[in-house]
Amino acid sequence: MYYVAAFSPVVPAAVQPVRPPTPTPCLAITFEETLARLRCSSSGSIMHRRGPRGVSPLVGTVLFLGITVLLAGTLAIGVAPHLASPSTATPGQALELEADADRDELVFDLVAGNAIDVRELEVHVTIDDEPLEFQPPVPFVGAHGFRGAPDGPFNGATDPQWRPGERAAVRLAGTNAPALEEGSVVRAHLTVDGQTIARLVTVAC
């Protein structure tokens, strides 16, 4: 007696294409914003504490800043690439911007470069990408949306020549918007005769 074995052909299952995982968007962090946050932390109460109780928060702050700097170098793309635009200035000019949330104050520092005639200067400010309702009409003594007269060369009653080493400051009034709050990203676009001389960015402390 003979037995005949019957074999059914094995049909391979359809291979589903493997899709790469969807990358998780990351927040773009500029080097300037990292430095601004470091400046805010260094001026805060944690960095001025003394004794054992101040060591742990300080170490945590340093570690956080180290991670932030690393992310700033590797994750400079994401859902908000416009945040990755650093502060820039025309060749030969060096300007800095600081924002004090407690005083509602914006401070502009001409670190180096040529003198600037503020009568030809226009300053456009945004807070968290929203333009101020009232922009600083430099130079001025009193203006809508601002408290008191500006400091330095932005004051219309002083010398209009803004020279290296001089700082100019304006203080936002409660009638201006958006409000300046701690952690707000502040940008300023400075132009002279329609030509850009600086694009500045900082984080309010």
Protein backbone atom coordinates (compact mmCIF):
# COMPACT_ATOMS: atom_id res chain seq x y z
CA MET A 1 0.00 0.00 0.00
CA TYR A 2 1.31 3.37 -0.99
CA TYR A 3 0.50 6.73 0.57
CA VAL A 4 0.64 9.93 -1.37
CA ALA A 5 1.34 13.03 0.72
CA ALA A 6 -0.37 16.18 -0.44
CA PHE A 7 1.26 19.53 0.32
CA SER A 8 -0.55 22.83 0.11
CA PRO A 9 1.59 25.68 -1.23
CA VAL A 10 2.44 28.24 1.40
CA VAL A 11 1.40 31.69 0.28
CA PRO A 12 3.49 34.34 2.05
CA ALA A 13 1.53 37.03 3.77
CA ALA A 14 1.65 40.48 2.28
CA VAL A 15 4.50 42.44 3.74
CA GLN A 16 3.34 45.75 5.15
CA PRO A 17 5.75 48.61 4.52
CA VAL A 18 7.39 49.87 7.66
CA ARG A 19 6.71 53.53 8.15
CA PRO A 20 9.29 55.59 9.97
CA PRO A 21 8.03 57.06 13.23
CA THR A 22 6.69 60.57 13.03
CA PRO A 23 9.23 62.89 14.58
CA THR A 24 8.03 64.77 17.60
CA PRO A 25 8.20 68.52 17.02
CA CYS A 26 10.68 70.26 19.24
CA LEU A 27 10.88 73.84 20.38
CA ALA A 28 13.58 75.85 18.71
CA ILE A 29 15.85 77.55 21.19
CA THR A 30 18.23 80.27 20.15
CA PHE A 31 21.61 80.77 21.75
CA GLU A 32 20.59 84.33 22.60
CA GLU A 33 17.48 83.12 24.43
CA THR A 34 19.61 80.61 26.35
CA LEU A 35 22.01 83.34 27.41
CA ALA A 36 19.10 85.56 28.39
CA ARG A 37 17.62 82.82 30.56
CA LEU A 38 21.05 82.31 32.13
CA ARG A 39 21.23 86.04 32.83
CA CYS A 40 17.76 85.93 34.41
CA SER A 41 18.75 82.96 36.59
CA SER A 42 22.03 84.54 37.67
CA SER A 43 20.21 87.68 38.81
CA GLY A 44 17.53 85.74 40.70
CA SER A 45 17.36 84.76 44.34
CA ILE A 46 18.56 81.18 43.83
CA MET A 47 22.01 82.25 42.67
CA HIS A 48 22.40 84.65 45.61
CA ARG A 49 21.60 82.17 48.36
CA ARG A 50 24.25 81.05 50.80
CA GLY A 51 24.49 77.87 52.83
CA PRO A 52 23.54 74.21 52.19
CA ARG A 53 19.93 75.02 51.28
CA GLY A 54 21.06 76.99 48.24
CA VAL A 55 23.30 74.26 46.82
CA SER A 56 20.66 71.87 45.51
CA PRO A 57 18.61 74.48 43.58
CA LEU A 58 21.81 75.92 42.17
CA VAL A 59 23.02 72.54 40.94
CA GLY A 60 19.61 71.87 39.40
CA THR A 61 19.68 75.23 37.65
CA VAL A 62 23.17 74.60 36.26
CA LEU A 63 22.17 71.16 34.99
CA PHE A 64 19.03 72.57 33.36
CA LEU A 65 21.04 75.28 31.64
CA GLY A 66 23.58 72.73 30.42
CA ILE A 67 20.80 70.66 28.86
CA THR A 68 19.29 73.80 27.35
CA VAL A 69 22.59 74.76 25.73
CA LEU A 70 22.90 71.23 24.32
CA LEU A 71 19.38 71.39 22.91
CA ALA A 72 20.10 74.81 21.45
CA GLY A 73 22.94 73.31 19.44
CA THR A 74 21.13 70.20 18.24
CA LEU A 75 17.42 71.04 18.08
CA ALA A 76 17.37 74.36 16.30
CA ILE A 77 14.45 73.28 14.10
CA GLY A 78 10.85 72.45 14.92
CA VAL A 79 7.36 73.75 15.01
CA ALA A 80 8.52 77.37 15.34
CA PRO A 81 11.62 77.81 13.16
CA HIS A 82 11.20 81.59 13.29
CA LEU A 83 12.30 81.46 16.94
CA ALA A 84 15.71 80.27 15.79
CA SER A 85 16.66 83.62 14.26
CA PRO A 86 19.46 85.05 16.41
CA SER A 87 20.25 88.68 17.14
CA THR A 88 22.01 90.31 14.22
CA ALA A 89 23.45 93.73 13.45
CA THR A 90 25.08 95.43 10.51
CA PRO A 91 28.85 94.98 10.27
CA GLY A 92 30.64 97.24 12.72
CA GLN A 93 27.59 97.62 14.98
CA ALA A 94 27.01 95.71 18.23
CA LEU A 95 23.75 96.17 20.12
CA GLU A 96 22.11 94.33 22.98
CA LEU A 97 18.56 94.20 24.32
CA GLU A 98 17.38 93.51 27.86
CA ALA A 99 13.81 93.24 29.15
CA ASP A 100 12.83 93.70 32.80
CA ALA A 101 9.33 92.33 33.45
CA ASP A 102 9.15 93.79 36.98
CA ARG A 103 9.81 97.32 35.72
CA ASP A 104 8.10 96.86 32.32
CA GLU A 105 11.35 98.17 30.87
CA LEU A 106 13.24 97.61 27.63
CA VAL A 107 16.91 98.56 27.64
CA PHE A 108 18.92 98.99 24.44
CA ASP A 109 22.71 99.02 24.70
CA LEU A 110 24.97 100.25 21.90
CA VAL A 111 28.01 98.18 22.79
CA ALA A 112 30.22 99.15 19.87
CA GLY A 113 30.12 100.64 16.41
CA ASN A 114 29.23 103.95 14.83
CA ALA A 115 27.11 106.59 16.53
CA ILE A 116 23.41 106.51 15.60
CA ASP A 117 21.23 109.58 15.11
CA VAL A 118 18.04 108.52 16.89
CA ARG A 119 16.06 111.11 14.93
CA GLU A 120 16.52 108.78 11.95
CA LEU A 121 15.95 105.62 13.99
CA GLU A 122 12.80 103.48 14.02
CA VAL A 123 12.25 100.78 16.63
CA HIS A 124 9.68 98.03 16.18
CA VAL A 125 9.08 95.73 19.15
CA THR A 126 7.22 92.42 19.45
CA ILE A 127 6.44 90.41 22.57
CA ASP A 128 5.89 86.71 21.98
CA ASP A 129 5.62 87.51 18.25
CA GLU A 130 2.82 90.06 18.81
CA PRO A 131 3.66 93.68 17.92
CA LEU A 132 3.27 96.30 20.61
CA GLU A 133 0.06 98.26 20.18
CA PHE A 134 2.07 101.46 20.65
CA GLN A 135 5.60 101.41 19.27
CA PRO A 136 8.29 103.69 20.77
CA PRO A 137 8.41 106.84 18.58
CA VAL A 138 12.04 107.60 19.41
CA PRO A 139 13.14 110.12 20.36
CA PHE A 140 10.29 111.29 22.60
CA VAL A 141 9.55 112.78 25.99
CA GLY A 142 6.03 111.45 26.46
CA ALA A 143 4.06 109.07 24.27
CA HIS A 144 0.96 106.87 24.36
CA GLY A 145 1.70 103.42 25.75
CA PHE A 146 4.81 104.46 27.68
CA ARG A 147 5.46 105.63 31.24
CA GLY A 148 7.39 108.82 31.62
CA ALA A 149 10.29 109.90 29.46
CA PRO A 150 12.84 107.42 28.08
CA ASP A 151 16.36 107.21 29.44
CA GLY A 152 19.46 108.05 27.45
CA PRO A 153 19.46 109.07 23.80
CA PHE A 154 15.83 107.92 23.29
CA ASN A 155 14.83 110.97 25.35
CA GLY A 156 13.89 113.80 23.01
CA ALA A 157 15.31 116.40 25.40
CA THR A 158 18.86 115.01 25.23
CA ASP A 159 21.60 114.75 22.61
CA PRO A 160 20.14 112.75 19.68
CA GLN A 161 23.48 111.08 18.99
CA TRP A 162 23.52 107.54 20.39
CA ARG A 163 27.18 106.74 21.01
CA PRO A 164 28.89 103.42 21.85
CA GLY A 165 28.68 102.64 25.54
CA GLU A 166 25.36 104.46 25.99
CA ARG A 167 22.14 102.74 27.03
CA ALA A 168 18.62 103.80 26.12
CA ALA A 169 15.51 102.61 27.93
CA VAL A 170 11.74 102.85 27.60
CA ARG A 171 9.08 101.74 30.09
CA LEU A 172 5.80 100.25 28.91
CA ALA A 173 2.56 101.59 30.36
CA GLY A 174 -0.40 99.47 31.33
CA THR A 175 -2.25 100.89 28.32
CA ASN A 176 0.20 99.15 25.99
CA ALA A 177 -0.19 95.55 24.91
CA PRO A 178 0.82 92.79 25.03
CA ALA A 179 2.02 92.88 28.61
CA LEU A 180 5.67 92.22 29.35
CA GLU A 181 5.86 89.15 31.57
CA GLU A 182 8.71 87.05 32.88
CA GLY A 183 9.69 84.53 30.21
CA SER A 184 8.28 86.58 27.34
CA VAL A 185 10.38 86.52 24.16
CA VAL A 186 11.04 90.10 23.12
CA ARG A 187 12.30 91.11 19.69
CA ALA A 188 13.29 94.51 18.38
CA HIS A 189 13.88 95.53 14.78
CA LEU A 190 15.96 98.69 14.45
CA THR A 191 16.13 100.58 11.16
CA VAL A 192 17.75 103.84 10.02
CA ASP A 193 16.33 105.45 6.88
CA GLY A 194 14.56 102.18 6.12
CA GLN A 195 17.75 100.12 6.38
CA THR A 196 17.99 97.41 9.03
CA ILE A 197 20.83 97.96 11.47
CA ALA A 198 19.89 95.30 14.04
CA ARG A 199 17.46 92.53 14.88
CA LEU A 200 17.59 91.84 18.60
CA VAL A 201 16.03 89.13 20.74
CA THR A 202 15.94 88.52 24.49
CA VAL A 203 13.86 86.86 27.20
CA ALA A 204 12.20 89.02 29.84
CA CYS A 205 13.46 88.48 33.40
